[in-house]
All heavy atoms as atom14 arrays in JSON, in Angstrom:
{
  "sequence": "ALGVDVLRLVRVAIGPLQLGNLAKGTFRHLTAEEKISLDQSME",
  "atom14_mask": [
    [1, 1, 1, 1, 1, 0, 0, 0, 0, 0, 0, 0, 0, 0],
    [1, 1, 1, 1, 1, 1, 1, 1, 0, 0, 0, 0, 0, 0],
    [1, 1, 1, 1, 0, 0, 0, 0, 0, 0, 0, 0, 0, 0],
    [1, 1, 1, 1, 1, 1, 1, 0, 0, 0, 0, 0, 0, 0],
    [1, 1, 1, 1, 1, 1, 1, 1, 0, 0, 0, 0, 0, 0],
    [1, 1, 1, 1, 1, 1, 1, 0, 0, 0, 0, 0, 0, 0],
    [1, 1, 1, 1, 1, 1, 1, 1, 0, 0, 0, 0, 0, 0],
    [1, 1, 1, 1, 1, 1, 1, 1, 1, 1, 1, 0, 0, 0],
    [1, 1, 1, 1, 1, 1, 1, 1, 0, 0, 0, 0, 0, 0],
    [1, 1, 1, 1, 1, 1, 1, 0, 0, 0, 0, 0, 0, 0],
    [1, 1, 1, 1, 1, 1, 1, 1, 1, 1, 1, 0, 0, 0],
    [1, 1, 1, 1, 1, 1, 1, 0, 0, 0, 0, 0, 0, 0],
    [1, 1, 1, 1, 1, 0, 0, 0, 0, 0, 0, 0, 0, 0],
    [1, 1, 1, 1, 1, 1, 1, 1, 0, 0, 0, 0, 0, 0],
    [1, 1, 1, 1, 0, 0, 0, 0, 0, 0, 0, 0, 0, 0],
    [1, 1, 1, 1, 1, 1, 1, 0, 0, 0, 0, 0, 0, 0],
    [1, 1, 1, 1, 1, 1, 1, 1, 0, 0, 0, 0, 0, 0],
    [1, 1, 1, 1, 1, 1, 1, 1, 1, 0, 0, 0, 0, 0],
    [1, 1, 1, 1, 1, 1, 1, 1, 0, 0, 0, 0, 0, 0],
    [1, 1, 1, 1, 0, 0, 0, 0, 0, 0, 0, 0, 0, 0],
    [1, 1, 1, 1, 1, 1, 1, 1, 0, 0, 0, 0, 0, 0],
    [1, 1, 1, 1, 1, 1, 1, 1, 0, 0, 0, 0, 0, 0],
    [1, 1, 1, 1, 1, 0, 0, 0, 0, 0, 0, 0, 0, 0],
    [1, 1, 1, 1, 1, 1, 1, 1, 1, 0, 0, 0, 0, 0],
    [1, 1, 1, 1, 0, 0, 0, 0, 0, 0, 0, 0, 0, 0],
    [1, 1, 1, 1, 1, 1, 1, 0, 0, 0, 0, 0, 0, 0],
    [1, 1, 1, 1, 1, 1, 1, 1, 1, 1, 1, 0, 0, 0],
    [1, 1, 1, 1, 1, 1, 1, 1, 1, 1, 1, 0, 0, 0],
    [1, 1, 1, 1, 1, 1, 1, 1, 1, 1, 0, 0, 0, 0],
    [1, 1, 1, 1, 1, 1, 1, 1, 0, 0, 0, 0, 0, 0],
    [1, 1, 1, 1, 1, 1, 1, 0, 0, 0, 0, 0, 0, 0],
    [1, 1, 1, 1, 1, 0, 0, 0, 0, 0, 0, 0, 0, 0],
    [1, 1, 1, 1, 1, 1, 1, 1, 1, 0, 0, 0, 0, 0],
    [1, 1, 1, 1, 1, 1, 1, 1, 1, 0, 0, 0, 0, 0],
    [1, 1, 1, 1, 1, 1, 1, 1, 1, 0, 0, 0, 0, 0],
    [1, 1, 1, 1, 1, 1, 1, 1, 0, 0, 0, 0, 0, 0],
    [1, 1, 1, 1, 1, 1, 0, 0, 0, 0, 0, 0, 0, 0],
    [1, 1, 1, 1, 1, 1, 1, 1, 0, 0, 0, 0, 0, 0],
    [1, 1, 1, 1, 1, 1, 1, 1, 0, 0, 0, 0, 0, 0],
    [1, 1, 1, 1, 1, 1, 1, 1, 1, 0, 0, 0, 0, 0],
    [1, 1, 1, 1, 1, 1, 0, 0, 0, 0, 0, 0, 0, 0],
    [1, 1, 1, 1, 1, 1, 1, 1, 0, 0, 0, 0, 0, 0],
    [1, 1, 1, 1, 1, 1, 1, 1, 1, 0, 0, 0, 0, 0]
  ],
  "atom14_positions": [
    [[-16.12, 8.58, -11.89], [-16.66, 9.33, -13.02], [-18.03, 9.9, -12.76], [-18.43, 10.87, -13.43], [-16.77, 8.39, -14.22], [0.0, 0.0, 0.0], [0.0, 0.0, 0.0], [0.0, 0.0, 0.0], [0.0, 0.0, 0.0], [0.0, 0.0, 0.0], [0.0, 0.0, 0.0], [0.0, 0.0, 0.0], [0.0, 0.0, 0.0], [0.0, 0.0, 0.0]],
    [[-18.77, 9.32, -11.78], [-20.08, 9.74, -11.44], [-20.02, 10.71, -10.19], [-21.05, 11.18, -9.67], [-20.98, 8.58, -11.08], [-21.33, 7.62, -12.21], [-21.93, 6.36, -11.75], [-22.23, 8.35, -13.26], [0.0, 0.0, 0.0], [0.0, 0.0, 0.0], [0.0, 0.0, 0.0], [0.0, 0.0, 0.0], [0.0, 0.0, 0.0], [0.0, 0.0, 0.0]],
    [[-18.76, 11.07, -9.75], [-18.61, 11.98, -8.7], [-18.95, 11.39, -7.32], [-19.22, 12.15, -6.37], [0.0, 0.0, 0.0], [0.0, 0.0, 0.0], [0.0, 0.0, 0.0], [0.0, 0.0, 0.0], [0.0, 0.0, 0.0], [0.0, 0.0, 0.0], [0.0, 0.0, 0.0], [0.0, 0.0, 0.0], [0.0, 0.0, 0.0], [0.0, 0.0, 0.0]],
    [[-18.77, 10.11, -7.18], [-19.1, 9.4, -5.96], [-17.8, 8.89, -5.34], [-16.94, 8.27, -6.02], [-20.05, 8.2, -6.29], [-20.33, 7.41, -4.9], [-21.32, 8.7, -6.87], [0.0, 0.0, 0.0], [0.0, 0.0, 0.0], [0.0, 0.0, 0.0], [0.0, 0.0, 0.0], [0.0, 0.0, 0.0], [0.0, 0.0, 0.0], [0.0, 0.0, 0.0]],
    [[-17.63, 9.12, -4.05], [-16.42, 8.59, -3.31], [-16.74, 7.21, -2.66], [-17.81, 6.98, -2.14], [-16.02, 9.54, -2.16], [-15.4, 10.84, -2.7], [-14.83, 10.82, -3.86], [-15.47, 11.86, -2.03], [0.0, 0.0, 0.0], [0.0, 0.0, 0.0], [0.0, 0.0, 0.0], [0.0, 0.0, 0.0], [0.0, 0.0, 0.0], [0.0, 0.0, 0.0]],
    [[-15.76, 6.32, -2.79], [-15.85, 4.95, -2.2], [-15.23, 5.1, -0.84], [-14.11, 5.48, -0.6], [-15.12, 3.93, -3.02], [-15.07, 2.58, -2.36], [-15.73, 3.82, -4.42], [0.0, 0.0, 0.0], [0.0, 0.0, 0.0], [0.0, 0.0, 0.0], [0.0, 0.0, 0.0], [0.0, 0.0, 0.0], [0.0, 0.0, 0.0], [0.0, 0.0, 0.0]],
    [[-16.05, 4.64, 0.19], [-15.63, 4.64, 1.55], [-14.97, 3.23, 1.9], [-13.98, 3.24, 2.57], [-16.78, 4.94, 2.51], [-17.49, 6.26, 2.26], [-18.6, 6.37, 3.27], [-16.46, 7.39, 2.37], [0.0, 0.0, 0.0], [0.0, 0.0, 0.0], [0.0, 0.0, 0.0], [0.0, 0.0, 0.0], [0.0, 0.0, 0.0], [0.0, 0.0, 0.0]],
    [[-15.59, 2.19, 1.43], [-15.03, 0.85, 1.59], [-15.39, 0.06, 0.38], [-16.48, 0.24, -0.24], [-15.54, 0.16, 2.88], [-14.95, 0.63, 4.23], [-15.44, -0.2, 5.42], [-14.95, -1.53, 5.33], [-15.39, -2.51, 6.12], [-16.37, -2.25, 6.96], [-14.88, -3.71, 6.08], [0.0, 0.0, 0.0], [0.0, 0.0, 0.0], [0.0, 0.0, 0.0]],
    [[-14.48, -0.98, 0.08], [-14.77, -1.85, -1.08], [-14.28, -3.23, -0.62], [-13.1, -3.4, -0.36], [-14.05, -1.35, -2.32], [-14.5, -2.05, -3.62], [-14.18, -1.11, -4.84], [-13.81, -3.33, -3.89], [0.0, 0.0, 0.0], [0.0, 0.0, 0.0], [0.0, 0.0, 0.0], [0.0, 0.0, 0.0], [0.0, 0.0, 0.0], [0.0, 0.0, 0.0]],
    [[-15.26, -4.16, -0.53], [-14.98, -5.53, 0.0], [-15.41, -6.55, -1.04], [-16.6, -6.58, -1.43], [-15.69, -5.84, 1.3], [-15.27, -7.16, 1.86], [-15.46, -4.66, 2.33], [0.0, 0.0, 0.0], [0.0, 0.0, 0.0], [0.0, 0.0, 0.0], [0.0, 0.0, 0.0], [0.0, 0.0, 0.0], [0.0, 0.0, 0.0], [0.0, 0.0, 0.0]],
    [[-14.55, -7.42, -1.58], [-14.91, -8.49, -2.44], [-15.34, -9.66, -1.52], [-14.7, -10.16, -0.7], [-13.73, -8.97, -3.35], [-14.21, -10.03, -4.31], [-13.29, -10.15, -5.51], [-11.97, -10.49, -5.19], [-10.93, -10.33, -6.03], [-11.08, -9.79, -7.2], [-9.74, -10.72, -5.59], [0.0, 0.0, 0.0], [0.0, 0.0, 0.0], [0.0, 0.0, 0.0]],
    [[-16.6, -10.03, -1.76], [-17.21, -11.06, -0.85], [-17.42, -12.41, -1.64], [-17.73, -13.37, -0.92], [-18.57, -10.55, -0.32], [-18.39, -9.36, 0.51], [-19.6, -10.27, -1.5], [0.0, 0.0, 0.0], [0.0, 0.0, 0.0], [0.0, 0.0, 0.0], [0.0, 0.0, 0.0], [0.0, 0.0, 0.0], [0.0, 0.0, 0.0], [0.0, 0.0, 0.0]],
    [[-17.23, -12.47, -2.99], [-17.46, -13.77, -3.6], [-16.71, -13.71, -5.0], [-16.59, -12.68, -5.66], [-18.96, -14.07, -3.85], [0.0, 0.0, 0.0], [0.0, 0.0, 0.0], [0.0, 0.0, 0.0], [0.0, 0.0, 0.0], [0.0, 0.0, 0.0], [0.0, 0.0, 0.0], [0.0, 0.0, 0.0], [0.0, 0.0, 0.0], [0.0, 0.0, 0.0]],
    [[-16.23, -14.85, -5.42], [-15.75, -15.12, -6.77], [-16.52, -16.33, -7.25], [-16.32, -17.46, -6.72], [-14.22, -15.41, -6.72], [-13.48, -14.22, -6.2], [-13.76, -15.74, -8.13], [-12.0, -14.35, -6.08], [0.0, 0.0, 0.0], [0.0, 0.0, 0.0], [0.0, 0.0, 0.0], [0.0, 0.0, 0.0], [0.0, 0.0, 0.0], [0.0, 0.0, 0.0]],
    [[-17.35, -16.1, -8.24], [-18.27, -17.18, -8.67], [-19.02, -17.66, -7.46], [-19.58, -16.89, -6.71], [0.0, 0.0, 0.0], [0.0, 0.0, 0.0], [0.0, 0.0, 0.0], [0.0, 0.0, 0.0], [0.0, 0.0, 0.0], [0.0, 0.0, 0.0], [0.0, 0.0, 0.0], [0.0, 0.0, 0.0], [0.0, 0.0, 0.0], [0.0, 0.0, 0.0]],
    [[-19.09, -18.98, -7.26], [-19.88, -19.57, -6.1], [-19.09, -19.54, -4.8], [-19.67, -19.87, -3.78], [-20.09, -21.02, -6.6], [-18.84, -21.36, -7.47], [-18.52, -20.07, -8.17], [0.0, 0.0, 0.0], [0.0, 0.0, 0.0], [0.0, 0.0, 0.0], [0.0, 0.0, 0.0], [0.0, 0.0, 0.0], [0.0, 0.0, 0.0], [0.0, 0.0, 0.0]],
    [[-17.79, -19.16, -4.87], [-16.97, -19.12, -3.65], [-17.21, -17.92, -2.81], [-17.04, -16.77, -3.26], [-15.52, -19.26, -4.07], [-14.52, -19.27, -2.87], [-14.69, -20.58, -2.1], [-13.07, -19.18, -3.44], [0.0, 0.0, 0.0], [0.0, 0.0, 0.0], [0.0, 0.0, 0.0], [0.0, 0.0, 0.0], [0.0, 0.0, 0.0], [0.0, 0.0, 0.0]],
    [[-17.68, -18.11, -1.59], [-18.0, -17.01, -0.69], [-16.99, -16.79, 0.32], [-16.36, -17.7, 0.86], [-19.38, -17.36, 0.06], [-20.6, -17.67, -0.92], [-21.09, -16.39, -1.49], [-21.11, -15.3, -0.91], [-21.56, -16.46, -2.8], [0.0, 0.0, 0.0], [0.0, 0.0, 0.0], [0.0, 0.0, 0.0], [0.0, 0.0, 0.0], [0.0, 0.0, 0.0]],
    [[-16.74, -15.49, 0.65], [-15.79, -15.17, 1.67], [-16.21, -15.68, 3.02], [-15.44, -16.14, 3.84], [-15.62, -13.64, 1.79], [-14.66, -13.02, 2.81], [-13.24, -13.58, 2.59], [-14.73, -11.56, 2.86], [0.0, 0.0, 0.0], [0.0, 0.0, 0.0], [0.0, 0.0, 0.0], [0.0, 0.0, 0.0], [0.0, 0.0, 0.0], [0.0, 0.0, 0.0]],
    [[-17.53, -15.66, 3.26], [-18.12, -16.25, 4.46], [-17.57, -15.59, 5.76], [-17.34, -14.36, 5.8], [0.0, 0.0, 0.0], [0.0, 0.0, 0.0], [0.0, 0.0, 0.0], [0.0, 0.0, 0.0], [0.0, 0.0, 0.0], [0.0, 0.0, 0.0], [0.0, 0.0, 0.0], [0.0, 0.0, 0.0], [0.0, 0.0, 0.0], [0.0, 0.0, 0.0]],
    [[-17.29, -16.44, 6.71], [-16.81, -15.9, 8.04], [-15.33, -16.01, 8.21], [-14.82, -15.94, 9.35], [-17.56, -16.59, 9.19], [-17.27, -18.11, 9.2], [-16.55, -18.61, 8.3], [-17.91, -18.84, 10.04], [0.0, 0.0, 0.0], [0.0, 0.0, 0.0], [0.0, 0.0, 0.0], [0.0, 0.0, 0.0], [0.0, 0.0, 0.0], [0.0, 0.0, 0.0]],
    [[-14.6, -16.09, 7.11], [-13.16, -16.12, 7.2], [-12.64, -14.85, 7.84], [-12.93, -13.69, 7.33], [-12.5, -16.35, 5.83], [-10.98, -16.45, 5.78], [-10.46, -17.7, 6.55], [-10.44, -16.47, 4.35], [0.0, 0.0, 0.0], [0.0, 0.0, 0.0], [0.0, 0.0, 0.0], [0.0, 0.0, 0.0], [0.0, 0.0, 0.0], [0.0, 0.0, 0.0]],
    [[-11.93, -14.92, 8.9], [-11.44, -13.68, 9.6], [-10.53, -12.8, 8.75], [-9.73, -13.33, 8.06], [-10.8, -14.06, 10.96], [0.0, 0.0, 0.0], [0.0, 0.0, 0.0], [0.0, 0.0, 0.0], [0.0, 0.0, 0.0], [0.0, 0.0, 0.0], [0.0, 0.0, 0.0], [0.0, 0.0, 0.0], [0.0, 0.0, 0.0], [0.0, 0.0, 0.0]],
    [[-10.62, -11.55, 8.9], [-9.73, -10.6, 8.17], [-8.29, -10.91, 8.56], [-7.94, -11.13, 9.75], [-10.12, -9.16, 8.53], [-9.39, -8.12, 7.72], [-9.84, -6.73, 8.06], [-11.34, -6.56, 7.79], [-11.74, -5.16, 8.01], [0.0, 0.0, 0.0], [0.0, 0.0, 0.0], [0.0, 0.0, 0.0], [0.0, 0.0, 0.0], [0.0, 0.0, 0.0]],
    [[-7.44, -10.9, 7.55], [-6.07, -11.11, 7.79], [-5.66, -12.57, 8.02], [-4.58, -12.95, 8.5], [0.0, 0.0, 0.0], [0.0, 0.0, 0.0], [0.0, 0.0, 0.0], [0.0, 0.0, 0.0], [0.0, 0.0, 0.0], [0.0, 0.0, 0.0], [0.0, 0.0, 0.0], [0.0, 0.0, 0.0], [0.0, 0.0, 0.0], [0.0, 0.0, 0.0]],
    [[-6.6, -13.49, 7.62], [-6.28, -14.92, 7.72], [-6.53, -15.61, 6.34], [-7.05, -14.97, 5.43], [-7.16, -15.63, 8.78], [-8.51, -15.57, 8.35], [-7.0, -14.98, 10.13], [0.0, 0.0, 0.0], [0.0, 0.0, 0.0], [0.0, 0.0, 0.0], [0.0, 0.0, 0.0], [0.0, 0.0, 0.0], [0.0, 0.0, 0.0], [0.0, 0.0, 0.0]],
    [[-6.14, -16.84, 6.24], [-6.27, -17.57, 4.97], [-6.59, -19.1, 5.32], [-6.29, -19.54, 6.44], [-5.06, -17.48, 4.08], [-3.83, -18.29, 4.57], [-3.58, -19.51, 4.11], [-3.02, -17.73, 5.5], [-2.53, -20.23, 4.54], [-1.93, -18.43, 5.99], [-1.66, -19.71, 5.48], [0.0, 0.0, 0.0], [0.0, 0.0, 0.0], [0.0, 0.0, 0.0]],
    [[-7.06, -19.81, 4.35], [-7.22, -21.25, 4.44], [-7.2, -21.89, 3.11], [-7.28, -21.17, 2.02], [-8.57, -21.55, 5.12], [-9.78, -21.16, 4.31], [-11.05, -21.72, 4.99], [-12.26, -21.35, 4.35], [-12.8, -21.99, 3.31], [-12.13, -22.95, 2.68], [-13.91, -21.56, 2.77], [0.0, 0.0, 0.0], [0.0, 0.0, 0.0], [0.0, 0.0, 0.0]],
    [[-7.03, -23.19, 3.05], [-7.03, -23.95, 1.8], [-8.48, -24.03, 1.32], [-9.4, -24.21, 2.12], [-6.5, -25.34, 1.97], [-4.98, -25.3, 2.24], [-4.04, -25.62, 1.24], [-4.27, -25.09, 3.36], [-2.87, -25.49, 1.73], [-2.92, -25.18, 2.99], [0.0, 0.0, 0.0], [0.0, 0.0, 0.0], [0.0, 0.0, 0.0], [0.0, 0.0, 0.0]],
    [[-8.71, -24.0, 0.07], [-10.02, -24.36, -0.55], [-10.28, -25.79, -0.28], [-9.35, -26.63, -0.3], [-10.08, -24.1, -2.05], [-9.96, -22.7, -2.53], [-10.21, -22.69, -4.05], [-10.82, -21.68, -1.85], [0.0, 0.0, 0.0], [0.0, 0.0, 0.0], [0.0, 0.0, 0.0], [0.0, 0.0, 0.0], [0.0, 0.0, 0.0], [0.0, 0.0, 0.0]],
    [[-11.53, -26.08, 0.04], [-11.95, -27.49, 0.14], [-12.09, -28.11, -1.25], [-12.14, -27.37, -2.24], [-13.32, -27.66, 0.85], [-14.32, -27.07, 0.03], [-13.29, -26.95, 2.2], [0.0, 0.0, 0.0], [0.0, 0.0, 0.0], [0.0, 0.0, 0.0], [0.0, 0.0, 0.0], [0.0, 0.0, 0.0], [0.0, 0.0, 0.0], [0.0, 0.0, 0.0]],
    [[-12.04, -29.41, -1.35], [-12.18, -30.03, -2.68], [-13.52, -29.68, -3.3], [-13.55, -29.44, -4.51], [-12.08, -31.61, -2.5], [0.0, 0.0, 0.0], [0.0, 0.0, 0.0], [0.0, 0.0, 0.0], [0.0, 0.0, 0.0], [0.0, 0.0, 0.0], [0.0, 0.0, 0.0], [0.0, 0.0, 0.0], [0.0, 0.0, 0.0], [0.0, 0.0, 0.0]],
    [[-14.56, -29.59, -2.51], [-15.84, -29.25, -3.01], [-15.88, -27.77, -3.57], [-16.43, -27.5, -4.66], [-16.95, -29.38, -1.95], [-17.19, -30.82, -1.55], [-16.11, -31.31, -0.59], [-15.28, -30.57, -0.03], [-16.12, -32.59, -0.4], [0.0, 0.0, 0.0], [0.0, 0.0, 0.0], [0.0, 0.0, 0.0], [0.0, 0.0, 0.0], [0.0, 0.0, 0.0]],
    [[-15.24, -26.89, -2.87], [-15.11, -25.5, -3.34], [-14.38, -25.4, -4.65], [-14.79, -24.71, -5.58], [-14.47, -24.62, -2.29], [-15.36, -24.39, -1.06], [-14.58, -23.71, 0.07], [-13.38, -23.86, 0.14], [-15.19, -22.97, 0.87], [0.0, 0.0, 0.0], [0.0, 0.0, 0.0], [0.0, 0.0, 0.0], [0.0, 0.0, 0.0], [0.0, 0.0, 0.0]],
    [[-13.23, -26.16, -4.76], [-12.49, -26.1, -6.04], [-13.29, -26.57, -7.19], [-13.29, -26.0, -8.29], [-11.22, -26.91, -5.78], [-10.33, -27.19, -7.0], [-9.75, -25.92, -7.62], [-8.67, -26.19, -8.65], [-9.01, -27.19, -9.7], [0.0, 0.0, 0.0], [0.0, 0.0, 0.0], [0.0, 0.0, 0.0], [0.0, 0.0, 0.0], [0.0, 0.0, 0.0]],
    [[-14.03, -27.74, -7.0], [-14.82, -28.36, -8.05], [-15.88, -27.42, -8.44], [-16.16, -27.18, -9.63], [-15.36, -29.68, -7.59], [-14.26, -30.73, -7.42], [-16.45, -30.16, -8.5], [-14.67, -32.02, -6.73], [0.0, 0.0, 0.0], [0.0, 0.0, 0.0], [0.0, 0.0, 0.0], [0.0, 0.0, 0.0], [0.0, 0.0, 0.0], [0.0, 0.0, 0.0]],
    [[-16.57, -26.75, -7.45], [-17.65, -25.83, -7.69], [-17.15, -24.67, -8.54], [-17.86, -24.24, -9.51], [-18.29, -25.38, -6.48], [-19.34, -24.43, -6.67], [0.0, 0.0, 0.0], [0.0, 0.0, 0.0], [0.0, 0.0, 0.0], [0.0, 0.0, 0.0], [0.0, 0.0, 0.0], [0.0, 0.0, 0.0], [0.0, 0.0, 0.0], [0.0, 0.0, 0.0]],
    [[-16.02, -24.11, -8.2], [-15.45, -22.99, -8.94], [-15.08, -23.42, -10.37], [-15.32, -22.68, -11.33], [-14.23, -22.5, -8.13], [-13.69, -21.09, -8.51], [-14.78, -20.05, -8.47], [-12.55, -20.7, -7.54], [0.0, 0.0, 0.0], [0.0, 0.0, 0.0], [0.0, 0.0, 0.0], [0.0, 0.0, 0.0], [0.0, 0.0, 0.0], [0.0, 0.0, 0.0]],
    [[-14.45, -24.57, -10.53], [-14.12, -25.08, -11.85], [-15.35, -25.25, -12.76], [-15.39, -24.91, -13.94], [-13.36, -26.4, -11.75], [-12.0, -26.26, -11.21], [-11.47, -25.09, -11.11], [-11.33, -27.23, -10.83], [0.0, 0.0, 0.0], [0.0, 0.0, 0.0], [0.0, 0.0, 0.0], [0.0, 0.0, 0.0], [0.0, 0.0, 0.0], [0.0, 0.0, 0.0]],
    [[-16.45, -25.83, -12.15], [-17.59, -26.08, -12.88], [-18.29, -24.73, -13.3], [-18.82, -24.6, -14.39], [-18.59, -26.92, -12.08], [-18.19, -28.31, -11.91], [-19.09, -29.11, -11.01], [-19.8, -28.56, -10.14], [-19.05, -30.42, -11.07], [0.0, 0.0, 0.0], [0.0, 0.0, 0.0], [0.0, 0.0, 0.0], [0.0, 0.0, 0.0], [0.0, 0.0, 0.0]],
    [[-18.23, -23.73, -12.38], [-18.74, -22.45, -12.74], [-17.98, -21.83, -13.9], [-18.6, -21.16, -14.77], [-18.6, -21.51, -11.5], [-19.23, -20.27, -11.77], [0.0, 0.0, 0.0], [0.0, 0.0, 0.0], [0.0, 0.0, 0.0], [0.0, 0.0, 0.0], [0.0, 0.0, 0.0], [0.0, 0.0, 0.0], [0.0, 0.0, 0.0], [0.0, 0.0, 0.0]],
    [[-16.69, -22.0, -13.94], [-15.92, -21.39, -15.04], [-16.27, -22.11, -16.37], [-16.37, -21.41, -17.44], [-14.4, -21.52, -14.78], [-13.86, -20.54, -13.74], [-12.11, -20.44, -13.68], [-11.77, -21.97, -12.79], [0.0, 0.0, 0.0], [0.0, 0.0, 0.0], [0.0, 0.0, 0.0], [0.0, 0.0, 0.0], [0.0, 0.0, 0.0], [0.0, 0.0, 0.0]],
    [[-16.48, -23.38, -16.37], [-16.85, -24.08, -17.51], [-18.17, -23.63, -18.02], [-18.4, -23.51, -19.32], [-16.94, -25.61, -17.22], [-15.6, -26.26, -16.94], [-15.74, -27.67, -16.43], [-16.87, -28.17, -16.36], [-14.67, -28.29, -16.12], [0.0, 0.0, 0.0], [0.0, 0.0, 0.0], [0.0, 0.0, 0.0], [0.0, 0.0, 0.0], [0.0, 0.0, 0.0]]
  ]
}
């Protein structure tokens, strides 16, 4: 709407959860601490 083109768009965090150094095209389980932190942030 502002006449600006997006070249790249990367989501790097959801609440306190950071993408960090997780390699592109890979995945992992959340740690118990990450899950608790995310839940507390939502509360």
